[in-house]
Protein backbone atom coordinates (compact mmCIF):
# COMPACT_ATOMS: atom_id res chain seq x y z
CA UNK A 1 106.83 89.66 99.37
CA UNK A 2 109.18 92.64 99.45
CA UNK A 3 108.86 96.17 98.15
CA UNK A 4 112.22 97.28 96.73
CA UNK A 5 112.66 101.04 96.42
CA UNK A 6 115.24 102.61 94.10
CA UNK A 7 115.52 105.44 96.59
CA UNK A 8 118.12 107.93 95.35
CA UNK A 9 115.57 110.10 93.53
CA UNK A 10 112.31 108.53 94.68
CA UNK A 11 109.65 111.14 95.54
CA UNK A 12 107.23 108.62 97.10
CA UNK A 13 109.22 107.00 99.92
CA UNK A 14 106.77 108.22 102.59
CA UNK A 15 103.83 106.85 100.60
CA UNK A 16 105.55 103.47 100.19
CA UNK A 17 106.14 103.33 103.95
CA UNK A 18 102.51 104.20 104.68
CA UNK A 19 100.99 101.61 102.31
CA UNK A 20 103.62 98.95 103.04
CA UNK A 21 103.06 99.33 106.78
CA UNK A 22 99.29 99.00 106.38
CA UNK A 23 99.87 95.69 104.54
CA UNK A 24 102.62 94.48 106.88
CA UNK A 25 105.02 94.22 103.94
CA UNK A 26 108.80 94.18 104.17
CA UNK A 27 110.36 97.20 102.43
CA UNK A 28 113.96 97.58 101.30
CA UNK A 29 115.13 101.12 100.52
CA UNK A 30 118.30 101.01 98.39
CA UNK A 31 120.53 103.99 97.66
CA UNK A 32 124.11 105.22 97.29
CA UNK A 33 123.72 107.13 100.55
CA UNK A 34 122.36 110.48 101.56
CA UNK A 35 119.04 109.22 102.87
CA UNK A 36 118.01 108.92 106.48
CA UNK A 37 117.32 105.32 107.56
CA UNK A 38 113.81 104.73 108.83
CA UNK A 39 113.43 103.38 112.37
CA UNK A 40 110.40 101.35 111.23
CA UNK A 41 110.96 97.60 111.81
CA UNK A 42 109.56 96.64 108.36
CA UNK A 43 112.00 98.92 106.53
CA UNK A 44 115.55 97.89 105.78
CA UNK A 45 117.90 100.56 104.46
CA UNK A 46 120.66 99.32 102.17
CA UNK A 47 123.52 101.65 101.25
CA UNK A 48 125.44 100.33 98.25
CA UNK A 49 128.89 101.31 97.01
CA UNK A 50 129.26 104.58 95.16
CA UNK A 51 129.16 104.24 91.41
CA UNK A 52 126.72 104.24 88.56
CA UNK A 53 123.88 101.74 88.78
CA UNK A 54 125.07 100.04 91.98
CA UNK A 55 121.64 100.37 93.61
CA UNK A 56 120.03 99.11 90.39
CA UNK A 57 122.31 96.07 90.29
CA UNK A 58 121.55 95.26 93.92
CA UNK A 59 117.79 95.40 93.36
CA UNK A 60 117.92 93.49 90.05
CA UNK A 61 119.82 90.62 91.69
CA UNK A 62 117.11 90.16 94.33
CA UNK A 63 113.70 91.14 92.93
CA UNK A 64 111.51 88.35 91.62
CA UNK A 65 107.98 86.93 91.53
CA UNK A 66 105.80 88.28 94.33
CA UNK A 67 107.97 91.37 94.82
CA UNK A 68 107.24 94.99 93.93
CA UNK A 69 109.89 97.38 92.64
CA UNK A 70 109.41 101.15 92.65
CA UNK A 71 111.76 102.90 90.23
CA UNK A 72 112.02 105.54 87.52
CA UNK A 73 114.99 103.71 86.01
CA UNK A 74 113.76 102.00 82.85
CA UNK A 75 116.66 99.52 82.37
CA UNK A 76 116.26 98.42 86.01
CA UNK A 77 112.51 98.09 85.47
CA UNK A 78 113.12 95.89 82.40
CA UNK A 79 115.36 93.54 84.41
CA UNK A 80 112.84 93.32 87.25
CA UNK A 81 109.91 92.69 84.88
CA UNK A 82 111.94 89.91 83.23
CA UNK A 83 112.54 88.42 86.70
CA UNK A 84 108.80 88.37 87.38
CA UNK A 85 108.50 91.33 89.76
CA UNK A 86 105.71 93.91 89.63
CA UNK A 87 107.18 97.32 88.74
CA UNK A 88 105.69 100.75 89.39
CA UNK A 89 106.98 104.16 88.45
CA UNK A 90 106.61 106.87 91.13
CA UNK A 91 103.73 108.27 89.03
CA UNK A 92 101.83 105.01 89.55
CA UNK A 93 102.34 103.83 85.97
CA UNK A 94 102.93 100.07 85.89
CA UNK A 95 105.77 98.68 83.80
CA UNK A 96 104.90 95.22 82.51
CA UNK A 97 106.04 92.65 79.99
CA UNK A 98 103.45 94.14 77.62
CA UNK A 99 104.76 97.72 77.71
CA UNK A 100 108.42 97.64 78.80
CA UNK A 101 109.72 97.23 75.23
CA UNK A 102 107.94 100.38 74.07
CA UNK A 103 109.03 102.29 77.17
CA UNK A 104 112.67 101.28 76.60
CA UNK A 105 112.48 102.28 72.93
CA UNK A 106 110.96 105.66 73.81
CA UNK A 107 113.64 106.24 76.44
CA UNK A 108 116.39 105.51 73.93
CA UNK A 109 114.78 107.72 71.29
CA UNK A 110 114.45 110.62 73.71
CA UNK A 111 118.09 110.21 74.80
CA UNK A 112 119.14 110.45 71.14
CA UNK A 113 116.97 113.53 70.58
CA UNK A 114 118.36 115.24 73.69
CA UNK A 115 121.91 114.47 72.55
CA UNK A 116 121.18 116.01 69.15
CA UNK A 117 119.41 119.11 70.52
CA UNK A 118 120.58 120.35 73.93
CA UNK A 119 117.56 122.70 74.10
CA UNK A 120 115.37 119.63 74.75
CA UNK A 121 117.01 119.16 78.16
CA UNK A 122 114.75 119.43 81.19
CA UNK A 123 111.42 119.55 79.39
CA UNK A 124 109.75 116.86 81.47
CA UNK A 125 106.83 117.80 83.66
CA UNK A 126 107.29 118.06 87.40
CA UNK A 127 106.01 115.54 89.91
CA UNK A 128 102.47 116.53 90.87
CA UNK A 129 100.00 115.85 93.65
CA UNK A 130 97.94 113.87 91.10
CA UNK A 131 101.02 111.69 90.40
CA UNK A 132 101.34 111.00 94.12
CA UNK A 133 97.65 110.04 94.34
CA UNK A 134 97.93 107.74 91.30
CA UNK A 135 100.97 106.09 92.87
CA UNK A 136 99.16 105.46 96.17
CA UNK A 137 96.22 103.90 94.32
CA UNK A 138 98.48 101.77 92.11
CA UNK A 139 100.60 100.48 95.00
CA UNK A 140 97.48 99.63 97.00
CA UNK A 141 96.05 97.65 94.04
CA UNK A 142 99.31 95.78 93.43
CA UNK A 143 99.71 94.78 97.07
CA UNK A 144 96.13 93.52 97.22
CA UNK A 145 96.66 91.36 94.11
CA UNK A 146 99.86 89.62 95.16
CA UNK A 147 99.16 86.40 97.09
CA UNK A 148 100.88 86.19 100.45
C-alpha cells in the first residue's frame, strides 16, 4: 500500500505524514518542485519535469488497487479510481466509481460557466479547520479498511 500525494497545492501534507506514519505506510509526495523533501524514511519525494499535469501523469501510471491518492485534481482522480485506487480530496471527500462521473460533469460545467462570466472566478470557499478534521478522519478510515 502506498499513499500518493499530488503535492503542488496540497494543504494536508502534514496530516498525511502523521496518519501514514502511525500506520507505517509508504508515502510518495509528487510535485513539480518547490516543496521541501521530508527526512522521514517512509516518505519519498518525487520531483517531476516542469509542465502541465506531469505530476498527475506520474501518479496515474503507478496508483492501483490497495493504494490511496490524495488530490484535488478531478481528471487525475478519475484515472486513479478507474485503476482501483482509493481517492480522497483534501477536504476528506472520497471520490469513487459511484460519484466520479458527476464530479467530472460538475467540474466541466463550472469551467464553462467561469469562461462565460469572469466574475465567477475565485468564488470557492477557503480551506477550513473543519475540512482538515474531515480529511484526517477520512484518511484514517481508508487506511484501516485496506488490507495489508
